[in-house]
């Protein structure tokens, strides 16, 4: 069983706000995982985007899961 009960799936094309802004806020509220699912990006671009999100999250949430 994963160490979280729910997770968020990214969709930057339909999001009203930048994930680099809302992800730290949701993590502070208890979110523990994010599935980066950006179908229009190449694998390299998706990996780069996931790294941007990880960097935006910062060191405050070391157990946060990206998949």
N, C-alpha and C. Protein backbone atom coordinates (compact mmCIF):
# COMPACT_ATOMS: atom_id res chain seq x y z
N UNK A 1 0.85 -1.18 0.00
CA UNK A 1 0.00 0.00 0.00
C UNK A 1 0.89 1.24 0.00
N UNK A 2 0.63 2.19 -0.91
CA UNK A 2 1.44 3.41 -0.94
C UNK A 2 1.23 4.24 0.33
N UNK A 3 2.18 5.12 0.64
CA UNK A 3 2.06 5.92 1.87
C UNK A 3 1.14 7.14 1.73
N UNK A 4 0.21 7.07 0.80
CA UNK A 4 -0.74 8.16 0.62
C UNK A 4 -2.09 7.58 0.22
N UNK A 5 -3.15 8.32 0.51
CA UNK A 5 -4.50 7.84 0.23
C UNK A 5 -5.04 8.35 -1.10
N UNK A 6 -4.52 9.47 -1.57
CA UNK A 6 -4.93 10.02 -2.85
C UNK A 6 -3.75 10.76 -3.45
N UNK A 7 -3.84 11.01 -4.74
CA UNK A 7 -2.79 11.77 -5.41
C UNK A 7 -3.42 12.62 -6.50
N UNK A 8 -2.68 13.58 -6.97
CA UNK A 8 -3.13 14.50 -7.99
C UNK A 8 -2.50 14.13 -9.32
N UNK A 9 -3.22 14.32 -10.40
CA UNK A 9 -2.69 14.09 -11.75
C UNK A 9 -2.56 15.45 -12.42
N UNK A 10 -1.37 15.73 -12.94
CA UNK A 10 -1.14 17.04 -13.56
C UNK A 10 -1.80 17.11 -14.94
N UNK A 11 -2.20 18.31 -15.30
CA UNK A 11 -2.73 18.61 -16.63
C UNK A 11 -2.56 20.11 -16.83
N UNK A 12 -1.37 20.53 -17.18
CA UNK A 12 -1.06 21.95 -17.24
C UNK A 12 -1.85 22.69 -18.31
N UNK A 13 -2.32 21.99 -19.35
CA UNK A 13 -3.09 22.66 -20.40
C UNK A 13 -4.47 23.08 -19.91
N UNK A 14 -5.02 22.37 -18.93
CA UNK A 14 -6.35 22.70 -18.41
C UNK A 14 -6.32 23.39 -17.05
N UNK A 15 -5.15 23.51 -16.47
CA UNK A 15 -5.05 24.15 -15.16
C UNK A 15 -5.19 25.66 -15.30
N UNK A 16 -5.82 26.26 -14.33
CA UNK A 16 -5.99 27.71 -14.35
C UNK A 16 -4.78 28.42 -13.76
N UNK A 17 -3.98 27.70 -12.97
CA UNK A 17 -2.83 28.30 -12.31
C UNK A 17 -1.61 27.42 -12.53
N UNK A 18 -0.47 28.02 -12.45
CA UNK A 18 0.79 27.31 -12.63
C UNK A 18 1.01 26.30 -11.49
N UNK A 19 1.33 25.09 -11.84
CA UNK A 19 1.55 24.04 -10.84
C UNK A 19 2.70 24.37 -9.90
N UNK A 20 3.64 25.17 -10.36
CA UNK A 20 4.76 25.55 -9.49
C UNK A 20 4.29 26.45 -8.35
N UNK A 21 3.09 27.00 -8.49
CA UNK A 21 2.51 27.83 -7.43
C UNK A 21 1.64 26.97 -6.51
N UNK A 22 0.75 26.17 -7.09
CA UNK A 22 -0.20 25.43 -6.25
C UNK A 22 0.35 24.16 -5.64
N UNK A 23 1.36 23.54 -6.25
CA UNK A 23 1.88 22.28 -5.70
C UNK A 23 2.43 22.45 -4.28
N UNK A 24 3.27 23.45 -4.01
CA UNK A 24 3.73 23.61 -2.62
C UNK A 24 2.59 23.86 -1.63
N UNK A 25 1.57 24.57 -2.07
CA UNK A 25 0.42 24.82 -1.19
C UNK A 25 -0.34 23.54 -0.88
N UNK A 26 -0.55 22.73 -1.90
CA UNK A 26 -1.25 21.45 -1.68
C UNK A 26 -0.41 20.49 -0.85
N UNK A 27 0.89 20.48 -1.06
CA UNK A 27 1.76 19.63 -0.25
C UNK A 27 1.72 20.05 1.22
N UNK A 28 1.69 21.34 1.46
CA UNK A 28 1.58 21.84 2.83
C UNK A 28 0.25 21.44 3.46
N UNK A 29 -0.77 21.27 2.63
CA UNK A 29 -2.10 20.88 3.12
C UNK A 29 -2.26 19.37 3.26
N UNK A 30 -1.24 18.59 2.83
CA UNK A 30 -1.31 17.15 3.02
C UNK A 30 -1.16 16.29 1.78
N UNK A 31 -1.13 16.88 0.60
CA UNK A 31 -0.93 16.09 -0.62
C UNK A 31 0.46 15.46 -0.57
N UNK A 32 0.56 14.17 -0.92
CA UNK A 32 1.83 13.46 -0.81
C UNK A 32 2.33 12.89 -2.13
N UNK A 33 1.54 13.03 -3.22
CA UNK A 33 1.98 12.44 -4.48
C UNK A 33 1.35 13.16 -5.66
N UNK A 34 2.11 13.17 -6.77
CA UNK A 34 1.65 13.78 -8.01
C UNK A 34 2.04 12.88 -9.17
N UNK A 35 1.08 12.58 -10.01
CA UNK A 35 1.37 11.88 -11.26
C UNK A 35 1.52 12.94 -12.33
N UNK A 36 2.71 13.02 -12.91
CA UNK A 36 2.96 13.99 -13.98
C UNK A 36 2.53 13.32 -15.27
N UNK A 37 1.41 13.78 -15.80
CA UNK A 37 0.82 13.16 -16.98
C UNK A 37 0.52 14.24 -18.01
N UNK A 38 1.52 14.54 -18.77
CA UNK A 38 1.43 15.59 -19.78
C UNK A 38 1.60 14.94 -21.14
N UNK A 39 0.50 14.56 -21.75
CA UNK A 39 0.51 13.75 -22.96
C UNK A 39 1.12 14.46 -24.17
N UNK A 40 1.16 15.78 -24.15
CA UNK A 40 1.70 16.52 -25.29
C UNK A 40 3.21 16.71 -25.22
N UNK A 41 3.84 16.30 -24.13
CA UNK A 41 5.28 16.46 -23.98
C UNK A 41 6.02 15.18 -24.34
N UNK A 42 7.21 15.34 -24.87
CA UNK A 42 8.07 14.18 -25.11
C UNK A 42 8.54 13.66 -23.75
N UNK A 43 9.07 12.45 -23.69
CA UNK A 43 9.58 11.96 -22.40
C UNK A 43 10.61 12.90 -21.77
N UNK A 44 11.50 13.45 -22.57
CA UNK A 44 12.52 14.36 -22.04
C UNK A 44 11.88 15.65 -21.50
N UNK A 45 10.89 16.17 -22.22
CA UNK A 45 10.20 17.38 -21.77
C UNK A 45 9.39 17.11 -20.50
N UNK A 46 8.76 15.95 -20.43
CA UNK A 46 7.98 15.58 -19.25
C UNK A 46 8.90 15.45 -18.03
N UNK A 47 10.07 14.85 -18.23
CA UNK A 47 11.03 14.72 -17.14
C UNK A 47 11.50 16.10 -16.68
N UNK A 48 11.77 16.99 -17.63
CA UNK A 48 12.20 18.35 -17.28
C UNK A 48 11.10 19.08 -16.51
N UNK A 49 9.85 18.90 -16.93
CA UNK A 49 8.72 19.53 -16.23
C UNK A 49 8.60 18.97 -14.80
N UNK A 50 8.75 17.67 -14.66
CA UNK A 50 8.69 17.07 -13.33
C UNK A 50 9.80 17.61 -12.43
N UNK A 51 10.97 17.83 -12.99
CA UNK A 51 12.07 18.41 -12.20
C UNK A 51 11.74 19.84 -11.78
N UNK A 52 11.10 20.61 -12.66
CA UNK A 52 10.67 21.96 -12.29
C UNK A 52 9.69 21.92 -11.12
N UNK A 53 8.76 20.97 -11.18
CA UNK A 53 7.79 20.85 -10.10
C UNK A 53 8.47 20.42 -8.80
N UNK A 54 9.41 19.49 -8.91
CA UNK A 54 10.15 19.06 -7.72
C UNK A 54 10.92 20.23 -7.11
N UNK A 55 11.55 21.02 -7.96
CA UNK A 55 12.30 22.18 -7.48
C UNK A 55 11.38 23.21 -6.82
N UNK A 56 10.19 23.39 -7.38
CA UNK A 56 9.22 24.33 -6.80
C UNK A 56 8.75 23.85 -5.44
N UNK A 57 8.68 22.54 -5.27
CA UNK A 57 8.26 21.97 -4.00
C UNK A 57 9.29 22.22 -2.92
N UNK A 58 10.55 22.22 -3.28
CA UNK A 58 11.61 22.53 -2.33
C UNK A 58 11.92 21.38 -1.38
N UNK A 59 12.66 21.71 -0.38
CA UNK A 59 13.13 20.71 0.60
C UNK A 59 12.12 20.43 1.71
N UNK A 60 11.04 21.17 1.74
CA UNK A 60 10.09 21.06 2.86
C UNK A 60 9.34 19.73 2.88
N UNK A 61 9.30 19.00 1.76
CA UNK A 61 8.50 17.78 1.68
C UNK A 61 9.35 16.65 1.08
N UNK A 62 10.30 16.12 1.85
CA UNK A 62 11.23 15.13 1.30
C UNK A 62 10.59 13.80 0.90
N UNK A 63 9.45 13.44 1.45
CA UNK A 63 8.81 12.17 1.13
C UNK A 63 7.79 12.26 0.02
N UNK A 64 7.68 13.39 -0.63
CA UNK A 64 6.69 13.59 -1.68
C UNK A 64 7.02 12.68 -2.85
N UNK A 65 6.01 12.03 -3.43
CA UNK A 65 6.22 11.08 -4.53
C UNK A 65 5.79 11.69 -5.86
N UNK A 66 6.67 11.54 -6.85
CA UNK A 66 6.35 11.90 -8.23
C UNK A 66 6.35 10.62 -9.05
N UNK A 67 5.36 10.47 -9.87
CA UNK A 67 5.35 9.32 -10.79
C UNK A 67 4.57 9.67 -12.03
